[in-house]
Amino acid sequence: MSAEKSAPTGDYQKPLPDMRPEGDAFWAGTKEHKLLLPTGPDGKPFWYPRALSPMTLEPHTWTESKGLGAVYTYSTHFIGPSKAYKGDPPHIVALVDLDEGVRLMTNLVRDEEGYPSLDPDAVKIGMKVRVVFHDVTDEITLPKFAPAE
């Protein structure tokens, strides 16, 4: 499923990201099913998107991630943060260490239509994962992670 675009659901009710100008290239990349990482002048990617590279305060470039990594830690949420989550928990929120050396927060899902959460018993620290892209609206595509099989 991750190789082809999923159809936006149109009735997506869960919170959407706060769009800021420094993340425009990142979100444009997700629409194309690419995981782009901001990269400093030293060639090292960093996370999160910001206007300038940390430490040097110089402009940065963007590098496409392979989208592979491992679960650093995770939390199982049985009650969602809003009514939009009613009826579909549990949700797995994880910190994933990408192979490129950055750590990001994400949801762990199954690579199926609608990208449902993984069974909490299936999640292990150190588990290998890969990025999948959930087209939730015509404008927003969310990167999530599924087990790398």
C-alpha atoms as a PDB file:
ATOM      1  CA  MET A   1       0.000   0.000   0.000  1.00  0.00           C
ATOM      2  CA  SER A   2       2.769   2.518   0.810  1.00  0.00           C
ATOM      3  CA  ALA A   3       4.128   2.541  -2.759  1.00  0.00           C
ATOM      4  CA  GLU A   4       0.882   3.907  -4.161  1.00  0.00           C
ATOM      5  CA  LYS A   5      -1.066   6.907  -2.971  1.00  0.00           C
ATOM      6  CA  SER A   6      -3.936   6.263  -0.605  1.00  0.00           C
ATOM      7  CA  ALA A   7      -7.157   8.118  -1.300  1.00  0.00           C
ATOM      8  CA  PRO A   8      -7.843  11.048   1.050  1.00  0.00           C
ATOM      9  CA  THR A   9     -10.718  10.233   3.351  1.00  0.00           C
ATOM     10  CA  GLY A  10     -12.533  13.587   3.118  1.00  0.00           C
ATOM     11  CA  ASP A  11     -14.045  13.081   6.558  1.00  0.00           C
ATOM     12  CA  TYR A  12     -10.768  13.057   8.485  1.00  0.00           C
ATOM     13  CA  GLN A  13     -11.576  14.518  11.914  1.00  0.00           C
ATOM     14  CA  LYS A  14      -8.339  14.078  13.861  1.00  0.00           C
ATOM     15  CA  PRO A  15      -6.035  17.023  14.569  1.00  0.00           C
ATOM     16  CA  LEU A  16      -3.890  18.193  11.673  1.00  0.00           C
ATOM     17  CA  PRO A  17      -0.362  19.614  11.882  1.00  0.00           C
ATOM     18  CA  ASP A  18       0.251  23.274  12.576  1.00  0.00           C
ATOM     19  CA  MET A  19       1.585  24.425   9.214  1.00  0.00           C
ATOM     20  CA  ARG A  20       4.519  26.839   9.467  1.00  0.00           C
ATOM     21  CA  PRO A  21       6.618  28.257   6.618  1.00  0.00           C
ATOM     22  CA  GLU A  22       9.808  26.507   7.733  1.00  0.00           C
ATOM     23  CA  GLY A  23       8.076  23.151   7.217  1.00  0.00           C
ATOM     24  CA  ASP A  24       6.694  23.858   3.737  1.00  0.00           C
ATOM     25  CA  ALA A  25       9.315  21.716   1.958  1.00  0.00           C
ATOM     26  CA  PHE A  26       8.730  18.847   4.407  1.00  0.00           C
ATOM     27  CA  TRP A  27       4.959  18.846   3.823  1.00  0.00           C
ATOM     28  CA  ALA A  28       5.411  19.217   0.050  1.00  0.00           C
ATOM     29  CA  GLY A  29       7.642  16.139   0.232  1.00  0.00           C
ATOM     30  CA  THR A  30       5.070  14.104   2.143  1.00  0.00           C
ATOM     31  CA  LYS A  31       2.467  14.911  -0.540  1.00  0.00           C
ATOM     32  CA  GLU A  32       4.876  13.232  -2.984  1.00  0.00           C
ATOM     33  CA  HIS A  33       5.366  10.341  -0.514  1.00  0.00           C
ATOM     34  CA  LYS A  34       8.921  11.433   0.285  1.00  0.00           C
ATOM     35  CA  LEU A  35      10.297  11.879   3.793  1.00  0.00           C
ATOM     36  CA  LEU A  36      12.542  14.941   3.607  1.00  0.00           C
ATOM     37  CA  LEU A  37      14.942  15.860   6.392  1.00  0.00           C
ATOM     38  CA  PRO A  38      16.472  19.300   6.928  1.00  0.00           C
ATOM     39  CA  THR A  39      20.238  18.987   6.507  1.00  0.00           C
ATOM     40  CA  GLY A  40      22.875  21.359   7.847  1.00  0.00           C
ATOM     41  CA  PRO A  41      25.915  22.689   5.995  1.00  0.00           C
ATOM     42  CA  ASP A  42      27.932  19.839   7.546  1.00  0.00           C
ATOM     43  CA  GLY A  43      25.752  17.323   5.675  1.00  0.00           C
ATOM     44  CA  LYS A  44      24.075  15.990   8.844  1.00  0.00           C
ATOM     45  CA  PRO A  45      20.291  15.825   8.891  1.00  0.00           C
ATOM     46  CA  PHE A  46      18.454  17.131  11.929  1.00  0.00           C
ATOM     47  CA  TRP A  47      14.909  17.163  13.183  1.00  0.00           C
ATOM     48  CA  TYR A  48      12.582  19.261  13.342  1.00  0.00           C
ATOM     49  CA  PRO A  49      12.172  21.647  10.394  1.00  0.00           C
ATOM     50  CA  ARG A  50      13.260  25.171  11.279  1.00  0.00           C
ATOM     51  CA  ALA A  51      14.304  28.304   9.462  1.00  0.00           C
ATOM     52  CA  LEU A  52      18.058  27.856  10.021  1.00  0.00           C
ATOM     53  CA  SER A  53      20.404  25.020  10.934  1.00  0.00           C
ATOM     54  CA  PRO A  54      20.923  24.602  14.666  1.00  0.00           C
ATOM     55  CA  MET A  55      24.371  25.541  15.968  1.00  0.00           C
ATOM     56  CA  THR A  56      25.472  27.355  12.766  1.00  0.00           C
ATOM     57  CA  LEU A  57      22.342  29.455  12.144  1.00  0.00           C
ATOM     58  CA  GLU A  58      23.003  29.031   8.418  1.00  0.00           C
ATOM     59  CA  PRO A  59      20.470  28.075   5.751  1.00  0.00           C
ATOM     60  CA  HIS A  60      19.888  24.349   5.327  1.00  0.00           C
ATOM     61  CA  THR A  61      19.027  22.030   2.481  1.00  0.00           C
ATOM     62  CA  TRP A  62      16.678  19.035   2.347  1.00  0.00           C
ATOM     63  CA  THR A  63      17.710  15.386   1.989  1.00  0.00           C
ATOM     64  CA  GLU A  64      15.363  12.517   1.200  1.00  0.00           C
ATOM     65  CA  SER A  65      15.350   9.875   3.930  1.00  0.00           C
ATOM     66  CA  LYS A  66      15.239   6.179   3.109  1.00  0.00           C
ATOM     67  CA  GLY A  67      12.362   6.070   5.603  1.00  0.00           C
ATOM     68  CA  LEU A  68      13.847   3.192   7.592  1.00  0.00           C
ATOM     69  CA  GLY A  69      14.515   3.103  11.296  1.00  0.00           C
ATOM     70  CA  ALA A  70      13.922   1.444  14.645  1.00  0.00           C
ATOM     71  CA  VAL A  71      11.548   2.075  17.533  1.00  0.00           C
ATOM     72  CA  TYR A  72      13.439   3.885  20.308  1.00  0.00           C
ATOM     73  CA  THR A  73      10.453   3.926  22.675  1.00  0.00           C
ATOM     74  CA  TYR A  74       6.670   3.968  22.486  1.00  0.00           C
ATOM     75  CA  SER A  75       3.509   4.588  24.441  1.00  0.00           C
ATOM     76  CA  THR A  76       0.122   2.948  24.052  1.00  0.00           C
ATOM     77  CA  HIS A  77      -2.805   5.349  24.317  1.00  0.00           C
ATOM     78  CA  PHE A  78      -6.122   3.707  25.111  1.00  0.00           C
ATOM     79  CA  ILE A  79      -8.006   6.999  25.263  1.00  0.00           C
ATOM     80  CA  GLY A  80      -7.451   9.514  22.468  1.00  0.00           C
ATOM     81  CA  PRO A  81      -6.823  13.222  23.074  1.00  0.00           C
ATOM     82  CA  SER A  82     -10.162  14.272  21.558  1.00  0.00           C
ATOM     83  CA  LYS A  83     -13.590  12.956  20.557  1.00  0.00           C
ATOM     84  CA  ALA A  84     -12.234  12.326  17.061  1.00  0.00           C
ATOM     85  CA  TYR A  85     -10.414   9.271  18.434  1.00  0.00           C
ATOM     86  CA  LYS A  86     -13.469   7.739  20.094  1.00  0.00           C
ATOM     87  CA  GLY A  87     -13.941   4.114  19.142  1.00  0.00           C
ATOM     88  CA  ASP A  88     -10.598   3.500  17.483  1.00  0.00           C
ATOM     89  CA  PRO A  89      -7.914   3.261  20.159  1.00  0.00           C
ATOM     90  CA  PRO A  90      -5.435   2.007  21.128  1.00  0.00           C
ATOM     91  CA  HIS A  91      -2.969   4.309  19.397  1.00  0.00           C
ATOM     92  CA  ILE A  92       0.743   3.686  19.426  1.00  0.00           C
ATOM     93  CA  VAL A  93       2.824   6.867  19.659  1.00  0.00           C
ATOM     94  CA  ALA A  94       6.528   6.209  19.180  1.00  0.00           C
ATOM     95  CA  LEU A  95       9.918   7.812  18.915  1.00  0.00           C
ATOM     96  CA  VAL A  96      11.663   6.334  15.884  1.00  0.00           C
ATOM     97  CA  ASP A  97      15.405   6.562  15.262  1.00  0.00           C
ATOM     98  CA  LEU A  98      15.841   6.907  11.512  1.00  0.00           C
ATOM     99  CA  ASP A  99      18.865   5.305   9.864  1.00  0.00           C
ATOM    100  CA  GLU A 100      20.018   8.840   8.986  1.00  0.00           C
ATOM    101  CA  GLY A 101      20.521   9.587  12.689  1.00  0.00           C
ATOM    102  CA  VAL A 102      17.489  11.675  13.618  1.00  0.00           C
ATOM    103  CA  ARG A 103      14.724  10.788  16.055  1.00  0.00           C
ATOM    104  CA  LEU A 104      11.135  11.754  15.366  1.00  0.00           C
ATOM    105  CA  MET A 105       7.726  11.239  16.947  1.00  0.00           C
ATOM    106  CA  THR A 106       5.171   9.291  14.950  1.00  0.00           C
ATOM    107  CA  ASN A 107       2.307   6.821  15.032  1.00  0.00           C
ATOM    108  CA  LEU A 108       2.909   3.108  14.504  1.00  0.00           C
ATOM    109  CA  VAL A 109       0.346   1.639  12.135  1.00  0.00           C
ATOM    110  CA  ARG A 110      -0.431  -1.324   9.917  1.00  0.00           C
ATOM    111  CA  ASP A 111       0.210  -0.742   6.217  1.00  0.00           C
ATOM    112  CA  GLU A 112      -3.450  -1.245   5.267  1.00  0.00           C
ATOM    113  CA  GLU A 113      -6.258   0.995   4.101  1.00  0.00           C
ATOM    114  CA  GLY A 114      -6.919   3.652   6.736  1.00  0.00           C
ATOM    115  CA  TYR A 115      -3.587   2.874   8.429  1.00  0.00           C
ATOM    116  CA  PRO A 116      -5.037   1.382  11.647  1.00  0.00           C
ATOM    117  CA  SER A 117      -2.854   1.213  14.760  1.00  0.00           C
ATOM    118  CA  LEU A 118      -0.699  -1.806  15.405  1.00  0.00           C
ATOM    119  CA  ASP A 119      -1.690  -4.262  18.100  1.00  0.00           C
ATOM    120  CA  PRO A 120       0.243  -3.030  21.173  1.00  0.00           C
ATOM    121  CA  ASP A 121       1.505  -6.589  21.790  1.00  0.00           C
ATOM    122  CA  ALA A 122       3.197  -6.517  18.361  1.00  0.00           C
ATOM    123  CA  VAL A 123       5.383  -3.497  19.217  1.00  0.00           C
ATOM    124  CA  LYS A 124       8.883  -3.957  20.603  1.00  0.00           C
ATOM    125  CA  ILE A 125      11.670  -1.510  21.348  1.00  0.00           C
ATOM    126  CA  GLY A 126      14.279  -1.889  18.620  1.00  0.00           C
ATOM    127  CA  MET A 127      11.677  -3.134  16.120  1.00  0.00           C
ATOM    128  CA  LYS A 128      12.558  -2.200  12.529  1.00  0.00           C
ATOM    129  CA  VAL A 129      10.045   0.130  10.869  1.00  0.00           C
ATOM    130  CA  ARG A 130       9.521   1.901   7.545  1.00  0.00           C
ATOM    131  CA  VAL A 131       7.654   5.039   6.605  1.00  0.00           C
ATOM    132  CA  VAL A 132       4.181   4.907   5.057  1.00  0.00           C
ATOM    133  CA  PHE A 133       2.193   7.915   3.901  1.00  0.00           C
ATOM    134  CA  HIS A 134      -1.413   8.513   4.899  1.00  0.00           C
ATOM    135  CA  ASP A 135      -3.164  11.026   2.609  1.00  0.00           C
ATOM    136  CA  VAL A 136      -5.650  12.367   5.164  1.00  0.00           C
ATOM    137  CA  THR A 137      -6.899  15.386   3.170  1.00  0.00           C
ATOM    138  CA  ASP A 138      -6.241  16.808  -0.280  1.00  0.00           C
ATOM    139  CA  GLU A 139      -3.643  19.111   1.305  1.00  0.00           C
ATOM    140  CA  ILE A 140      -2.121  16.991   4.085  1.00  0.00           C
ATOM    141  CA  THR A 141      -0.235  13.691   3.967  1.00  0.00           C
ATOM    142  CA  LEU A 142       1.001  12.330   7.288  1.00  0.00           C
ATOM    143  CA  PRO A 143       4.111  10.186   7.530  1.00  0.00           C
ATOM    144  CA  LYS A 144       3.549   7.222   9.843  1.00  0.00           C
ATOM    145  CA  PHE A 145       5.576   4.073  10.431  1.00  0.00           C
ATOM    146  CA  ALA A 146       4.737   0.408   9.914  1.00  0.00           C
ATOM    147  CA  PRO A 147       6.772  -2.716  10.659  1.00  0.00           C
ATOM    148  CA  ALA A 148       9.547  -3.284   8.113  1.00  0.00           C
ATOM    149  CA  GLU A 149       8.894  -6.779   6.843  1.00  0.00           C
END
